[in-house]
Amino acid sequence: MSNNLVADVHDLKTRLEWGQPGFTIVDVRDRHTYNHGHITGAIPIPLDNLASRAKSSLHTKRHIYIYGENDEQSAQAAQVLRASGFVEVAEIQGGLSAWKTAGGATEGVGA
């Protein structure tokens, strides 16, 4: 089975609405972009710091949903996490814009 999971925003939104715990959403964009608007509950870990901060900031057993500026950055971030020993990593396809289109909750200055 491939670990290259791509998460559909509608599935993730449903999980959140049903209150299913046990997962973390990670935003790997830079801090300024994160502050301007992000998925509600997402934690900011810029891609440059991801390898060094992942082990101390995230639980390896939890499902992790990740997104960046674009799908390429999300894929790169997912690769970094998998290399650090995280197994359940899914990229949020379309990132923040897809999330907003699906009606997902956002927070931040421009949200």
C-alpha atoms as a PDB file:
ATOM      1  CA  MET A   1       0.000   0.000   0.000  1.00  0.00           C
ATOM      2  CA  SER A   2       1.279   3.458  -0.881  1.00  0.00           C
ATOM      3  CA  ASN A   3       1.674   6.020   1.866  1.00  0.00           C
ATOM      4  CA  ASN A   4       1.284   8.876  -0.617  1.00  0.00           C
ATOM      5  CA  LEU A   5      -2.097   9.892   0.662  1.00  0.00           C
ATOM      6  CA  VAL A   6      -3.898  12.852  -0.778  1.00  0.00           C
ATOM      7  CA  ALA A   7      -6.767  14.138   1.323  1.00  0.00           C
ATOM      8  CA  ASP A   8      -9.917  15.533  -0.190  1.00  0.00           C
ATOM      9  CA  VAL A   9     -11.053  18.715   1.568  1.00  0.00           C
ATOM     10  CA  HIS A  10     -14.645  17.438   1.773  1.00  0.00           C
ATOM     11  CA  ASP A  11     -13.536  14.287   3.622  1.00  0.00           C
ATOM     12  CA  LEU A  12     -11.451  16.324   6.040  1.00  0.00           C
ATOM     13  CA  LYS A  13     -14.274  18.795   6.602  1.00  0.00           C
ATOM     14  CA  THR A  14     -16.625  15.887   7.393  1.00  0.00           C
ATOM     15  CA  ARG A  15     -14.114  14.480   9.872  1.00  0.00           C
ATOM     16  CA  LEU A  16     -13.910  17.838  11.622  1.00  0.00           C
ATOM     17  CA  GLU A  17     -17.683  18.302  11.673  1.00  0.00           C
ATOM     18  CA  TRP A  18     -18.155  14.853  13.179  1.00  0.00           C
ATOM     19  CA  GLY A  19     -15.576  15.798  15.786  1.00  0.00           C
ATOM     20  CA  GLN A  20     -13.257  12.918  15.022  1.00  0.00           C
ATOM     21  CA  PRO A  21     -10.127  13.539  17.085  1.00  0.00           C
ATOM     22  CA  GLY A  22      -6.741  11.986  16.534  1.00  0.00           C
ATOM     23  CA  PHE A  23      -5.401  14.133  13.760  1.00  0.00           C
ATOM     24  CA  THR A  24      -3.400  17.306  13.287  1.00  0.00           C
ATOM     25  CA  ILE A  25      -3.530  19.841  10.464  1.00  0.00           C
ATOM     26  CA  VAL A  26      -0.166  21.428   9.656  1.00  0.00           C
ATOM     27  CA  ASP A  27       0.309  24.622   7.625  1.00  0.00           C
ATOM     28  CA  VAL A  28       3.844  24.755   6.161  1.00  0.00           C
ATOM     29  CA  ARG A  29       3.563  28.212   4.581  1.00  0.00           C
ATOM     30  CA  ASP A  30       5.547  31.109   6.042  1.00  0.00           C
ATOM     31  CA  ARG A  31       4.329  32.698   9.266  1.00  0.00           C
ATOM     32  CA  HIS A  32       3.066  35.917   7.651  1.00  0.00           C
ATOM     33  CA  THR A  33       0.927  33.971   5.164  1.00  0.00           C
ATOM     34  CA  TYR A  34      -0.357  31.741   7.986  1.00  0.00           C
ATOM     35  CA  ASN A  35      -1.325  34.789  10.078  1.00  0.00           C
ATOM     36  CA  HIS A  36      -3.234  36.241   7.135  1.00  0.00           C
ATOM     37  CA  GLY A  37      -5.517  33.204   6.942  1.00  0.00           C
ATOM     38  CA  HIS A  38      -5.412  29.475   7.624  1.00  0.00           C
ATOM     39  CA  ILE A  39      -7.586  26.437   8.222  1.00  0.00           C
ATOM     40  CA  THR A  40      -9.111  26.697  11.693  1.00  0.00           C
ATOM     41  CA  GLY A  41      -7.034  24.672  14.136  1.00  0.00           C
ATOM     42  CA  ALA A  42      -4.032  24.277  11.820  1.00  0.00           C
ATOM     43  CA  ILE A  43      -0.653  24.593  13.482  1.00  0.00           C
ATOM     44  CA  PRO A  44       2.063  26.600  11.731  1.00  0.00           C
ATOM     45  CA  ILE A  45       5.389  24.904  11.052  1.00  0.00           C
ATOM     46  CA  PRO A  46       7.120  26.572   8.089  1.00  0.00           C
ATOM     47  CA  LEU A  47       8.605  24.084   5.623  1.00  0.00           C
ATOM     48  CA  ASP A  48      12.154  25.278   6.401  1.00  0.00           C
ATOM     49  CA  ASN A  49      11.692  24.296  10.065  1.00  0.00           C
ATOM     50  CA  LEU A  50       9.626  21.170   9.512  1.00  0.00           C
ATOM     51  CA  ALA A  51      12.415  18.583   9.698  1.00  0.00           C
ATOM     52  CA  SER A  52      13.838  20.057  12.914  1.00  0.00           C
ATOM     53  CA  ARG A  53      10.509  20.709  14.649  1.00  0.00           C
ATOM     54  CA  ALA A  54       8.380  17.752  13.557  1.00  0.00           C
ATOM     55  CA  LYS A  55       9.512  15.284  16.233  1.00  0.00           C
ATOM     56  CA  SER A  56       9.028  17.737  19.092  1.00  0.00           C
ATOM     57  CA  SER A  57       5.806  19.325  17.786  1.00  0.00           C
ATOM     58  CA  LEU A  58       3.867  16.373  16.367  1.00  0.00           C
ATOM     59  CA  HIS A  59       2.870  12.901  17.517  1.00  0.00           C
ATOM     60  CA  THR A  60       4.134  10.191  15.163  1.00  0.00           C
ATOM     61  CA  LYS A  61       1.034   8.065  15.795  1.00  0.00           C
ATOM     62  CA  ARG A  62      -1.498  10.730  14.821  1.00  0.00           C
ATOM     63  CA  HIS A  63      -2.874  11.276  11.353  1.00  0.00           C
ATOM     64  CA  ILE A  64      -1.356  14.432   9.927  1.00  0.00           C
ATOM     65  CA  TYR A  65      -2.980  16.532   7.225  1.00  0.00           C
ATOM     66  CA  ILE A  66      -0.582  18.963   5.614  1.00  0.00           C
ATOM     67  CA  TYR A  67      -0.870  21.881   3.227  1.00  0.00           C
ATOM     68  CA  GLY A  68       1.329  24.615   1.809  1.00  0.00           C
ATOM     69  CA  GLU A  69       1.288  27.377  -0.817  1.00  0.00           C
ATOM     70  CA  ASN A  70       0.544  24.782  -3.519  1.00  0.00           C
ATOM     71  CA  ASP A  71       0.333  21.024  -4.001  1.00  0.00           C
ATOM     72  CA  GLU A  72       4.076  20.825  -4.761  1.00  0.00           C
ATOM     73  CA  GLN A  73       4.961  22.400  -1.402  1.00  0.00           C
ATOM     74  CA  SER A  74       2.471  20.094   0.330  1.00  0.00           C
ATOM     75  CA  ALA A  75       4.054  17.055  -1.329  1.00  0.00           C
ATOM     76  CA  GLN A  76       7.532  18.241  -0.333  1.00  0.00           C
ATOM     77  CA  ALA A  77       6.413  18.729   3.271  1.00  0.00           C
ATOM     78  CA  ALA A  78       4.782  15.294   3.357  1.00  0.00           C
ATOM     79  CA  GLN A  79       8.040  13.784   2.113  1.00  0.00           C
ATOM     80  CA  VAL A  80       9.965  15.531   4.910  1.00  0.00           C
ATOM     81  CA  LEU A  81       7.559  14.122   7.521  1.00  0.00           C
ATOM     82  CA  ARG A  82       7.690  10.601   6.111  1.00  0.00           C
ATOM     83  CA  ALA A  83      11.490  10.768   6.149  1.00  0.00           C
ATOM     84  CA  SER A  84      11.239  11.754   9.827  1.00  0.00           C
ATOM     85  CA  GLY A  85       9.274   8.608  10.644  1.00  0.00           C
ATOM     86  CA  PHE A  86       5.695   9.804  10.286  1.00  0.00           C
ATOM     87  CA  VAL A  87       3.500   7.245   8.539  1.00  0.00           C
ATOM     88  CA  GLU A  88      -0.025   8.670   8.460  1.00  0.00           C
ATOM     89  CA  VAL A  89       0.612  11.814   6.411  1.00  0.00           C
ATOM     90  CA  ALA A  90      -1.920  13.143   3.910  1.00  0.00           C
ATOM     91  CA  GLU A  91      -1.594  16.188   1.682  1.00  0.00           C
ATOM     92  CA  ILE A  92      -4.651  18.436   1.537  1.00  0.00           C
ATOM     93  CA  GLN A  93      -5.279  18.703  -2.173  1.00  0.00           C
ATOM     94  CA  GLY A  94      -5.758  22.299  -3.281  1.00  0.00           C
ATOM     95  CA  GLY A  95      -4.703  23.634   0.121  1.00  0.00           C
ATOM     96  CA  LEU A  96      -6.406  26.623   1.673  1.00  0.00           C
ATOM     97  CA  SER A  97      -8.257  27.758  -1.455  1.00  0.00           C
ATOM     98  CA  ALA A  98      -9.859  24.325  -1.912  1.00  0.00           C
ATOM     99  CA  TRP A  99     -10.731  24.320   1.790  1.00  0.00           C
ATOM    100  CA  LYS A 100     -12.440  27.726   1.481  1.00  0.00           C
ATOM    101  CA  THR A 101     -14.294  26.599  -1.647  1.00  0.00           C
ATOM    102  CA  ALA A 102     -15.613  23.610   0.294  1.00  0.00           C
ATOM    103  CA  GLY A 103     -16.877  25.977   2.988  1.00  0.00           C
ATOM    104  CA  GLY A 104     -14.312  24.959   5.578  1.00  0.00           C
ATOM    105  CA  ALA A 105     -13.721  27.183   8.594  1.00  0.00           C
ATOM    106  CA  THR A 106     -10.752  29.557   8.495  1.00  0.00           C
ATOM    107  CA  GLU A 107      -9.212  32.042  10.894  1.00  0.00           C
ATOM    108  CA  GLY A 108      -6.664  34.819  10.650  1.00  0.00           C
ATOM    109  CA  VAL A 109      -6.453  38.471   9.606  1.00  0.00           C
ATOM    110  CA  GLY A 110      -7.802  37.987   6.092  1.00  0.00           C
ATOM    111  CA  ALA A 111      -9.975  34.937   6.717  1.00  0.00           C
END
